[in-house]
Amino acid sequence: MVAQSISSQYEIIDPYNGQMVEFKSESEAYDHFSRLCGLTAYTDSVRESISSCNEKIYLLGFSVGASAVWNSLESDRASMISKAVCFYGSRIRDNKTLKPCCDTTLIFPKTERSFSVPELSRFLAGTPNVKCIDTELYHGFMNPLSDNFNRSGYLAYIDWLKRNFDLLSYNGPCPDRHNEE
C-alpha cells in the first residue's frame, strides 16, 4: 500500500516470497518471521536484490525491513543505492557503527522496550550520511494493521516520501513531530 502510494515503479522484497500471511498480533508476526526467516536471511535477500540492479535505487524499510535495509548499506553493490529511509528499525542498534554509502534517513519511534531511542538516535546522528528523526509516534505508526497506527503521521510521511521519491535530491522539511491520535 505504501509503495503504491509513492510510486508506480517498485519492488517489494518480502521475507515470505509473496505468500500472504495473516497474524493476530505484532508479536505473533515477529515470532513467525524469526522462525521462518530471520534478520540475517532477510538482509541477504535485500543485498541480493541490490546486486541485480542496473540503475540507482531508493530503499525504504519498516521495522525489521528497515533493519535489513540498514544492514545492506555497506554491501558490495551499495553504490547502486541513491537514498535509504528506515522507519523504526529497532535492530539497527545491533549494527550502529555501520557507515552508510548514501543519504540515509532513520525515523525513530517515541520509545522502544529494548533500548533507549534517544541514546541511539544521538549516537547515529554523528554518522556521515545519516539524518535521524525522532517522532512522538510509536513503532508501527505507518502500518494500518498495527495497534500503533497513526493516521496523521502516516499521511504526513506518505507526502514526504512522495516528494523524496520523485526528487531524489529533495531535502525538504520532514514531518519531525506529530501528535498521537
Protein backbone atom coordinates (compact mmCIF):
# COMPACT_ATOMS: atom_id res chain seq x y z
CA MET A 1 0.00 0.00 0.00
CA VAL A 2 2.81 2.43 0.86
CA ALA A 3 4.75 1.56 -2.31
CA GLN A 4 1.68 2.15 -4.47
CA SER A 5 1.09 5.47 -2.72
CA ILE A 6 4.51 6.86 -3.56
CA SER A 7 5.47 5.35 -6.92
CA SER A 8 4.35 3.26 -9.84
CA GLN A 9 7.77 1.60 -10.04
CA TYR A 10 8.74 -0.53 -7.08
CA GLU A 11 9.83 -3.95 -5.97
CA ILE A 12 8.87 -5.39 -2.62
CA ILE A 13 11.41 -7.66 -1.00
CA ASP A 14 9.31 -9.52 1.48
CA PRO A 15 10.51 -12.31 3.76
CA TYR A 16 7.65 -14.63 2.74
CA ASN A 17 8.31 -14.63 -1.03
CA GLY A 18 4.93 -13.15 -1.90
CA GLN A 19 2.85 -15.52 0.24
CA MET A 20 0.14 -13.72 2.16
CA VAL A 21 0.41 -14.41 5.86
CA GLU A 22 -2.02 -13.14 8.49
CA PHE A 23 -1.22 -12.63 12.15
CA LYS A 24 -3.32 -11.88 15.21
CA SER A 25 -0.69 -9.59 16.72
CA GLU A 26 2.61 -7.92 16.02
CA SER A 27 4.37 -10.24 18.45
CA GLU A 28 2.98 -13.26 16.57
CA ALA A 29 4.22 -11.74 13.30
CA TYR A 30 7.70 -11.15 14.72
CA ASP A 31 7.90 -14.67 16.18
CA HIS A 32 6.85 -16.16 12.83
CA PHE A 33 9.40 -14.02 10.99
CA SER A 34 12.16 -15.05 13.40
CA ARG A 35 11.38 -18.75 12.99
CA LEU A 36 10.86 -18.71 9.22
CA CYS A 37 13.44 -16.22 8.00
CA GLY A 38 15.31 -14.08 10.50
CA LEU A 39 17.13 -10.80 10.02
CA THR A 40 20.30 -12.31 8.53
CA ALA A 41 18.45 -14.16 5.76
CA TYR A 42 16.23 -11.14 5.11
CA THR A 43 19.29 -8.87 4.85
CA ASP A 44 20.79 -11.35 2.38
CA SER A 45 17.61 -11.09 0.27
CA VAL A 46 17.83 -7.30 0.25
CA ARG A 47 21.51 -7.44 -0.73
CA GLU A 48 20.76 -9.94 -3.48
CA SER A 49 18.09 -7.63 -4.89
CA ILE A 50 20.51 -4.70 -4.79
CA SER A 51 23.07 -6.81 -6.66
CA SER A 52 20.64 -7.39 -9.51
CA CYS A 53 20.06 -3.65 -10.06
CA ASN A 54 21.50 -1.85 -13.06
CA GLU A 55 20.42 1.63 -12.06
CA LYS A 56 20.29 3.74 -8.93
CA ILE A 57 17.62 2.72 -6.42
CA TYR A 58 15.85 4.12 -3.40
CA LEU A 59 15.38 1.79 -0.41
CA LEU A 60 12.51 2.05 2.04
CA GLY A 61 12.09 -0.23 5.03
CA PHE A 62 9.82 -0.58 8.03
CA SER A 63 10.66 -2.32 11.31
CA VAL A 64 12.70 -5.44 10.53
CA GLY A 65 12.72 -4.34 6.88
CA ALA A 66 14.36 -1.09 7.99
CA SER A 67 16.97 -3.10 9.87
CA ALA A 68 17.63 -5.23 6.77
CA VAL A 69 17.96 -2.08 4.64
CA TRP A 70 20.37 -0.55 7.17
CA ASN A 71 22.49 -3.71 7.20
CA SER A 72 22.66 -3.58 3.39
CA LEU A 73 24.03 -0.05 3.15
CA GLU A 74 27.64 -1.28 3.18
CA SER A 75 27.17 -4.22 0.78
CA ASP A 76 29.32 -4.76 -2.34
CA ARG A 77 26.78 -3.10 -4.62
CA ALA A 78 25.67 -0.42 -2.17
CA SER A 79 26.84 2.20 -4.66
CA MET A 80 23.60 1.46 -6.54
CA ILE A 81 21.61 2.98 -3.65
CA SER A 82 20.70 6.68 -4.04
CA LYS A 83 18.85 7.08 -0.78
CA ALA A 84 17.54 4.98 2.09
CA VAL A 85 14.70 5.67 4.51
CA CYS A 86 14.26 3.41 7.52
CA PHE A 87 11.21 3.61 9.77
CA TYR A 88 11.54 2.29 13.33
CA GLY A 89 14.27 -0.27 12.62
CA SER A 90 14.92 -1.40 16.17
CA ARG A 91 17.68 -3.88 15.24
CA ILE A 92 19.75 -1.04 13.77
CA ARG A 93 21.14 -0.83 17.29
CA ASP A 94 22.98 -4.13 16.69
CA ASN A 95 24.99 -2.61 13.83
CA LYS A 96 25.23 1.02 14.87
CA THR A 97 28.83 1.53 13.68
CA LEU A 98 27.84 0.91 10.04
CA LYS A 99 28.79 3.71 7.65
CA PRO A 100 26.03 4.08 5.02
CA CYS A 101 27.05 4.67 1.42
CA CYS A 102 24.21 7.08 0.72
CA ASP A 103 21.91 9.69 2.17
CA THR A 104 20.04 7.76 4.88
CA THR A 105 17.12 8.93 7.00
CA LEU A 106 16.32 6.99 10.16
CA ILE A 107 12.86 7.67 11.57
CA PHE A 108 12.58 6.57 15.17
CA PRO A 109 9.50 5.97 17.31
CA LYS A 110 8.98 7.71 20.63
CA THR A 111 10.10 4.68 22.62
CA GLU A 112 11.20 1.07 22.30
CA ARG A 113 11.11 -1.55 25.04
CA SER A 114 14.56 -2.97 24.29
CA PHE A 115 16.71 0.16 24.17
CA SER A 116 16.88 3.92 24.62
CA VAL A 117 15.72 5.57 21.40
CA PRO A 118 17.19 9.00 22.27
CA GLU A 119 20.57 7.44 23.06
CA LEU A 120 20.72 5.50 19.77
CA SER A 121 19.47 8.50 17.79
CA ARG A 122 22.13 10.77 19.32
CA PHE A 123 24.85 8.20 18.55
CA LEU A 124 23.77 7.71 14.93
CA ALA A 125 23.22 11.42 14.28
CA GLY A 126 27.01 11.81 14.20
CA THR A 127 27.37 9.24 11.41
CA PRO A 128 28.16 10.61 7.93
CA ASN A 129 25.17 10.45 5.52
CA VAL A 130 22.71 9.84 8.38
CA LYS A 131 19.82 12.04 9.42
CA CYS A 132 17.84 10.92 12.48
CA ILE A 133 14.26 11.98 13.07
CA ASP A 134 12.77 11.34 16.49
CA THR A 135 8.97 11.25 16.41
CA GLU A 136 6.31 11.32 19.08
CA LEU A 137 4.75 8.29 17.37
CA TYR A 138 5.06 4.64 18.25
CA HIS A 139 6.63 1.66 16.48
CA GLY A 140 4.22 0.66 13.73
CA PHE A 141 2.65 4.09 13.17
CA MET A 142 2.90 3.65 9.37
CA ASN A 143 1.13 0.27 9.42
CA PRO A 144 -2.69 0.48 9.30
CA LEU A 145 -2.82 -3.03 10.81
CA SER A 146 -0.73 -2.03 13.84
CA ASP A 147 -2.21 -1.05 17.18
CA ASN A 148 0.15 1.94 16.96
CA PHE A 149 -1.06 3.17 13.56
CA ASN A 150 -1.31 6.96 13.48
CA ARG A 151 -3.29 8.32 10.55
CA SER A 152 -1.91 11.86 10.63
CA GLY A 153 1.67 10.60 10.96
CA TYR A 154 1.09 8.14 8.14
CA LEU A 155 -0.31 10.80 5.80
CA ALA A 156 2.46 13.28 6.60
CA TYR A 157 5.18 10.73 5.93
CA ILE A 158 3.49 9.44 2.76
CA ASP A 159 3.50 13.01 1.48
CA TRP A 160 7.18 13.44 2.44
CA LEU A 161 8.09 10.12 0.82
CA LYS A 162 6.30 11.08 -2.41
CA ARG A 163 8.30 14.29 -2.63
CA ASN A 164 11.55 12.49 -1.82
CA PHE A 165 10.87 9.62 -4.20
CA ASP A 166 10.05 11.93 -7.10
CA LEU A 167 13.03 14.15 -6.42
CA LEU A 168 15.82 12.00 -5.01
CA SER A 169 17.82 15.12 -4.33
CA TYR A 170 14.92 16.76 -2.45
CA ASN A 171 15.91 17.74 1.06
CA GLY A 172 12.74 19.49 2.10
CA PRO A 173 11.34 19.50 5.57
CA CYS A 174 10.43 16.19 7.08
CA PRO A 175 7.49 15.89 9.45
CA ASP A 176 9.58 15.74 12.61
CA ARG A 177 6.84 15.55 15.22
CA HIS A 178 3.20 14.51 15.31
CA ASN A 179 0.55 14.40 17.96
CA GLU A 180 -0.78 11.00 18.85
CA GLU A 181 -4.21 10.12 17.51
